[in-house]
Amino acid sequence: MKIVSFRRGRKTQTLNQAVVRITGVDDREAASKYIGKRVEIKFSTNFIRGVVTRAHGDNGRVIVRFRRGLPGQAITKELRQL
């Protein structure tokens, strides 16, 4: 699992939600199996935990909602499934 982008609109971005690409998942049906799974990302000594909430598009991406906002360095970081 790798963070691709923040969830965003035309003029805003939501820092506690991220678009995540799951390796080996290429369609919406396979991505929907991950809904409800818990994930975490590690920064130096801190862990930020989140939950997969919904599929994003038809290409196998998902939206992950985190407890607090992510820093900009989170883009392209790996997530670990709990």
Protein backbone atom coordinates (compact mmCIF):
# COMPACT_ATOMS: atom_id res chain seq x y z
CA MET A 1 0.00 0.00 0.00
CA LYS A 2 1.34 3.40 -0.95
CA ILE A 3 -0.09 6.90 -0.50
CA VAL A 4 -0.67 8.52 -3.89
CA SER A 5 -2.31 11.82 -2.96
CA PHE A 6 -4.42 13.64 -0.43
CA ARG A 7 -8.16 13.64 -1.00
CA ARG A 8 -8.82 16.99 -2.62
CA GLY A 9 -11.15 19.21 -4.49
CA ARG A 10 -10.44 21.99 -6.91
CA LYS A 11 -9.26 24.47 -4.28
CA THR A 12 -8.92 22.45 -1.07
CA GLN A 13 -7.24 19.33 0.14
CA THR A 14 -8.20 17.23 3.14
CA LEU A 15 -5.06 16.40 5.09
CA ASN A 16 -6.55 13.61 7.19
CA GLN A 17 -7.74 11.64 4.14
CA ALA A 18 -5.48 10.07 1.53
CA VAL A 19 -5.85 8.22 -1.76
CA VAL A 20 -3.97 4.93 -1.48
CA ARG A 21 -2.87 2.50 -4.19
CA ILE A 22 -2.89 -1.16 -3.14
CA THR A 23 -0.42 -3.38 -4.95
CA GLY A 24 -2.10 -6.11 -6.94
CA VAL A 25 -5.55 -4.50 -6.88
CA ASP A 26 -6.80 -3.21 -10.23
CA ASP A 27 -10.58 -2.86 -9.97
CA ARG A 28 -13.29 -1.48 -7.71
CA GLU A 29 -14.60 -4.87 -6.57
CA ALA A 30 -11.20 -6.01 -5.30
CA ALA A 31 -10.62 -2.65 -3.61
CA SER A 32 -13.96 -2.84 -1.80
CA LYS A 33 -12.72 -5.94 0.08
CA TYR A 34 -10.31 -3.68 1.98
CA ILE A 35 -13.03 -1.39 3.40
CA GLY A 36 -12.86 -1.37 7.19
CA LYS A 37 -9.25 -2.57 7.36
CA ARG A 38 -6.94 -0.65 9.68
CA VAL A 39 -3.61 0.72 8.49
CA GLU A 40 -0.78 2.77 9.95
CA ILE A 41 2.10 4.88 8.72
CA LYS A 42 5.33 5.41 10.65
CA PHE A 43 7.19 8.69 11.02
CA SER A 44 10.44 8.58 13.04
CA THR A 45 8.91 7.60 16.41
CA ASN A 46 5.22 8.32 15.75
CA PHE A 47 2.55 6.13 14.23
CA ILE A 48 -0.55 7.58 12.58
CA ARG A 49 -3.42 5.11 12.30
CA GLY A 50 -6.26 5.15 9.84
CA VAL A 51 -9.13 3.14 8.39
CA VAL A 52 -9.95 2.35 4.76
CA THR A 53 -13.35 3.97 4.23
CA ARG A 54 -14.30 3.60 0.55
CA ALA A 55 -13.12 2.82 -2.97
CA HIS A 56 -11.88 5.70 -5.10
CA GLY A 57 -12.68 5.31 -8.79
CA ASP A 58 -12.61 2.13 -10.84
CA ASN A 59 -8.86 1.56 -10.81
CA GLY A 60 -8.43 -0.09 -7.40
CA ARG A 61 -7.54 2.95 -5.32
CA VAL A 62 -9.09 3.49 -1.86
CA ILE A 63 -9.66 6.42 0.52
CA VAL A 64 -8.07 6.11 3.96
CA ARG A 65 -9.21 8.38 6.80
CA PHE A 66 -6.56 9.06 9.46
CA ARG A 67 -7.05 10.22 13.03
CA ARG A 68 -5.03 13.37 12.48
CA GLY A 69 -3.64 15.23 9.50
CA LEU A 70 -0.71 13.84 7.57
CA PRO A 71 2.41 15.85 6.77
CA GLY A 72 3.37 16.50 3.17
CA GLN A 73 6.19 13.94 3.40
CA ALA A 74 3.54 11.21 3.59
CA ILE A 75 3.13 11.19 -0.21
CA THR A 76 4.70 7.98 -1.63
CA LYS A 77 5.21 6.47 1.86
CA GLU A 78 4.32 2.84 2.49
CA LEU A 79 1.42 1.89 4.76
CA ARG A 80 1.27 -1.17 6.93
CA GLN A 81 -1.95 -3.14 7.35
CA LEU A 82 -2.81 -4.05 10.95
